[in-house]
Amino acid sequence: WYYHSVGGVALKERSNDCLFITQKHCIRILFGDLDTYLDKQSTCARARPYGMQKLGQSYFKKEHTKPIFNKLKIMTVQNLFKYHCITEFFKIIKYRCPYTLFECINLSNRVTSNTVILTRKSNTFLHAAAKLWNTMNKRVLTPAKGLETSLHLIKLRTRAIIFQVQSADLRETWTPSNFLI
C-alpha cells in the first residue's frame, strides 16, 4: 500500500509504463503458456526438426498478457492504484481517520452531494484520490445510504467497474481506454 500512496501518482496511463512492463513480464512468467515457453527454449538446431532451424518472427513474439489479466481477474498497476485510492479515500471520508487527512478534504456543502471540492492541481495522493472519488462516487455509493454504504460494497463495485474498463476494447492488446475510469 505504501508504494501506491507515494509512487502511484507518477504512474502513466499507457501500456508502455516501465512498472506495467515489469508486471506483464512477471505475469508471463507466472501464468503464461508453459508449453510454448519450453518449446521456445529449445534453441539448439539439433533439438528442432529439419527445416525449422531458422528462428522466425514468431519466435521473438511475446505472449499477450491482456487475456491472462482478464481470465485471472488481475488488475494492472495503474488500475490497482485507482482501486486503492478510491477505497482509502472512502475510508478517510467515512471514518474521518486519519483526522489530519480528513481536515484537508473540502466536501461539498450540498446535502445530497458526496463530491469533493478540488484544491489547486498537485501531484499528491489526496488530489489524485479526490479526483478519482469525484468520478466514481455516484457509481459506487448506494443512493439511499450515501456514505453509510458498506466498505465491502464499495470495494466490490469499484473492482467490477475497473475490470469492466480493463477488459474493454480489443481482445489481446492494451489500449489507452483500458486505463480510464
Protein backbone atom coordinates (compact mmCIF):
# COMPACT_ATOMS: atom_id res chain seq x y z
CA TRP A 1 0.00 0.00 0.00
CA TYR A 2 2.89 2.38 0.73
CA TYR A 3 4.05 2.42 -2.88
CA HIS A 4 0.59 3.17 -4.18
CA SER A 5 0.16 6.18 -1.92
CA VAL A 6 3.60 7.60 -2.73
CA GLY A 7 4.72 6.40 -6.15
CA GLY A 8 1.37 5.54 -7.68
CA VAL A 9 0.66 9.15 -8.57
CA ALA A 10 3.57 9.00 -11.02
CA LEU A 11 2.14 6.04 -12.99
CA LYS A 12 1.33 6.81 -16.59
CA GLU A 13 -1.97 5.93 -18.24
CA ARG A 14 -0.44 3.93 -21.06
CA SER A 15 0.75 0.45 -21.81
CA ASN A 16 4.46 1.28 -22.07
CA ASP A 17 4.95 2.41 -18.48
CA CYS A 18 8.08 0.74 -17.02
CA LEU A 19 6.29 -0.67 -13.98
CA PHE A 20 3.48 -2.04 -16.16
CA ILE A 21 6.03 -3.69 -18.48
CA THR A 22 7.61 -5.36 -15.45
CA GLN A 23 4.19 -6.51 -14.23
CA LYS A 24 3.41 -8.02 -17.65
CA HIS A 25 6.76 -9.83 -17.66
CA CYS A 26 6.00 -11.33 -14.23
CA ILE A 27 2.51 -12.36 -15.36
CA ARG A 28 4.00 -14.14 -18.38
CA ILE A 29 6.46 -15.99 -16.14
CA LEU A 30 3.89 -16.98 -13.52
CA PHE A 31 0.79 -17.69 -15.59
CA GLY A 32 1.89 -17.84 -19.24
CA ASP A 33 1.64 -20.85 -21.55
CA LEU A 34 4.34 -23.20 -20.25
CA ASP A 35 4.41 -25.48 -23.32
CA THR A 36 5.00 -22.55 -25.67
CA TYR A 37 7.68 -21.19 -23.37
CA LEU A 38 9.50 -24.54 -23.14
CA ASP A 39 9.25 -25.02 -26.91
CA LYS A 40 10.89 -21.63 -27.43
CA GLN A 41 13.76 -22.54 -25.17
CA SER A 42 14.84 -25.47 -27.35
CA THR A 43 17.06 -23.23 -29.44
CA CYS A 44 19.65 -25.83 -30.39
CA ALA A 45 19.39 -26.62 -34.11
CA ARG A 46 19.54 -30.35 -33.35
CA ALA A 47 16.55 -30.10 -30.99
CA ARG A 48 14.25 -28.82 -33.74
CA PRO A 49 13.15 -30.80 -36.80
CA TYR A 50 14.97 -30.29 -40.08
CA GLY A 51 13.68 -27.24 -41.91
CA MET A 52 12.74 -25.43 -38.70
CA GLN A 53 16.25 -24.47 -37.61
CA LYS A 54 15.81 -20.81 -38.53
CA LEU A 55 14.05 -18.80 -35.88
CA GLY A 56 11.39 -16.64 -37.48
CA GLN A 57 9.49 -13.60 -36.28
CA SER A 58 7.02 -15.74 -34.29
CA TYR A 59 9.88 -16.95 -32.07
CA PHE A 60 10.54 -13.45 -30.77
CA LYS A 61 6.87 -12.52 -30.33
CA LYS A 62 5.83 -12.26 -26.68
CA GLU A 63 2.64 -13.80 -25.36
CA HIS A 64 -0.26 -11.37 -24.98
CA THR A 65 -0.95 -10.59 -21.33
CA LYS A 66 -4.37 -8.97 -21.54
CA PRO A 67 -6.20 -12.34 -21.79
CA ILE A 68 -4.27 -13.58 -18.74
CA PHE A 69 -5.12 -10.45 -16.73
CA ASN A 70 -8.80 -10.79 -17.62
CA LYS A 71 -9.01 -14.55 -17.08
CA LEU A 72 -7.40 -14.40 -13.63
CA LYS A 73 -9.02 -11.06 -12.69
CA ILE A 74 -5.68 -9.35 -12.02
CA MET A 75 -5.62 -5.55 -12.01
CA THR A 76 -2.90 -3.64 -13.81
CA VAL A 77 -0.70 -1.46 -11.59
CA GLN A 78 -2.43 1.67 -12.89
CA ASN A 79 -5.87 0.29 -12.05
CA LEU A 80 -4.66 -1.12 -8.73
CA PHE A 81 -3.57 2.38 -7.75
CA LYS A 82 -7.03 3.73 -8.63
CA TYR A 83 -8.73 0.96 -6.66
CA HIS A 84 -6.70 1.72 -3.55
CA CYS A 85 -7.18 5.48 -3.95
CA ILE A 86 -10.95 5.15 -4.09
CA THR A 87 -11.25 2.71 -1.17
CA GLU A 88 -8.79 4.57 1.05
CA PHE A 89 -10.41 7.92 0.26
CA PHE A 90 -13.81 6.47 1.14
CA LYS A 91 -12.42 5.26 4.48
CA ILE A 92 -10.96 8.70 5.20
CA ILE A 93 -14.31 10.39 4.47
CA LYS A 94 -16.48 7.82 6.24
CA TYR A 95 -14.43 7.15 9.37
CA ARG A 96 -12.63 10.53 9.47
CA CYS A 97 -9.45 8.67 10.19
CA PRO A 98 -6.65 9.76 9.98
CA TYR A 99 -8.17 13.05 11.01
CA THR A 100 -5.25 15.10 9.71
CA LEU A 101 -6.03 13.92 6.17
CA PHE A 102 -9.78 14.37 6.67
CA GLU A 103 -9.20 18.01 7.63
CA CYS A 104 -7.50 18.60 4.26
CA ILE A 105 -10.60 17.40 2.35
CA ASN A 106 -13.16 20.03 1.39
CA LEU A 107 -16.52 18.26 0.98
CA SER A 108 -19.32 19.91 -0.94
CA ASN A 109 -21.95 21.61 1.25
CA ARG A 110 -24.83 20.19 -0.75
CA VAL A 111 -26.87 17.70 1.28
CA THR A 112 -27.17 15.07 -1.45
CA SER A 113 -23.69 15.52 -2.88
CA ASN A 114 -20.66 13.46 -1.90
CA THR A 115 -18.26 15.26 -4.17
CA VAL A 116 -15.05 16.86 -3.05
CA ILE A 117 -14.10 20.39 -3.97
CA LEU A 118 -10.66 20.06 -5.50
CA THR A 119 -7.83 22.32 -4.47
CA ARG A 120 -5.26 23.50 -6.98
CA LYS A 121 -3.76 20.75 -9.07
CA SER A 122 -0.93 18.88 -7.37
CA ASN A 123 0.86 15.56 -7.68
CA THR A 124 -0.24 14.20 -4.30
CA PHE A 125 -2.26 11.25 -3.11
CA LEU A 126 -5.09 13.45 -1.80
CA HIS A 127 -5.54 15.30 -5.07
CA ALA A 128 -5.43 12.13 -7.20
CA ALA A 129 -7.78 10.29 -4.82
CA ALA A 130 -10.23 13.19 -4.66
CA LYS A 131 -10.31 13.41 -8.45
CA LEU A 132 -10.99 9.68 -8.75
CA TRP A 133 -13.59 9.86 -5.99
CA ASN A 134 -15.49 12.60 -7.83
CA THR A 135 -15.69 10.46 -10.97
CA MET A 136 -16.69 7.27 -9.14
CA ASN A 137 -18.79 8.18 -6.10
CA LYS A 138 -22.14 8.18 -7.91
CA ARG A 139 -21.40 4.74 -9.33
CA VAL A 140 -20.21 3.06 -6.12
CA LEU A 141 -22.37 4.62 -3.41
CA THR A 142 -25.89 3.38 -2.70
CA PRO A 143 -28.10 6.45 -3.35
CA ALA A 144 -30.29 5.98 -0.28
CA LYS A 145 -27.38 5.39 2.10
CA GLY A 146 -24.69 7.71 0.77
CA LEU A 147 -21.58 7.45 2.94
CA GLU A 148 -23.32 4.79 5.05
CA THR A 149 -22.69 2.31 2.22
CA SER A 150 -20.54 -0.55 3.49
CA LEU A 151 -16.85 -0.65 2.65
CA HIS A 152 -17.25 -4.17 1.29
CA LEU A 153 -19.86 -2.96 -1.22
CA ILE A 154 -17.62 -0.05 -2.27
CA LYS A 155 -14.75 -2.46 -2.91
CA LEU A 156 -16.95 -4.87 -4.90
CA ARG A 157 -18.42 -2.14 -7.09
CA THR A 158 -15.06 -0.47 -7.67
CA ARG A 159 -13.47 -3.77 -8.69
CA ALA A 160 -16.36 -4.52 -11.06
CA ILE A 161 -16.09 -1.12 -12.75
CA ILE A 162 -12.31 -1.37 -13.06
CA PHE A 163 -12.46 -4.89 -14.56
CA GLN A 164 -15.15 -3.81 -17.00
CA VAL A 165 -12.94 -0.95 -18.23
CA GLN A 166 -9.77 -3.04 -18.19
CA SER A 167 -11.27 -5.81 -20.33
CA ALA A 168 -12.93 -3.47 -22.85
CA ASP A 169 -11.81 -2.86 -26.44
CA LEU A 170 -9.50 -5.19 -28.30
CA ARG A 171 -9.23 -8.73 -27.04
CA GLU A 172 -5.44 -9.10 -26.88
CA THR A 173 -3.87 -5.66 -26.91
CA TRP A 174 -3.91 -2.87 -24.37
CA THR A 175 -5.42 0.46 -25.39
CA PRO A 176 -5.41 3.80 -23.52
CA SER A 177 -9.09 3.38 -22.69
CA ASN A 178 -8.26 0.27 -20.62
CA PHE A 179 -6.80 2.61 -18.01
CA LEU A 180 -9.51 5.30 -17.95
CA ILE A 181 -12.27 5.10 -15.37
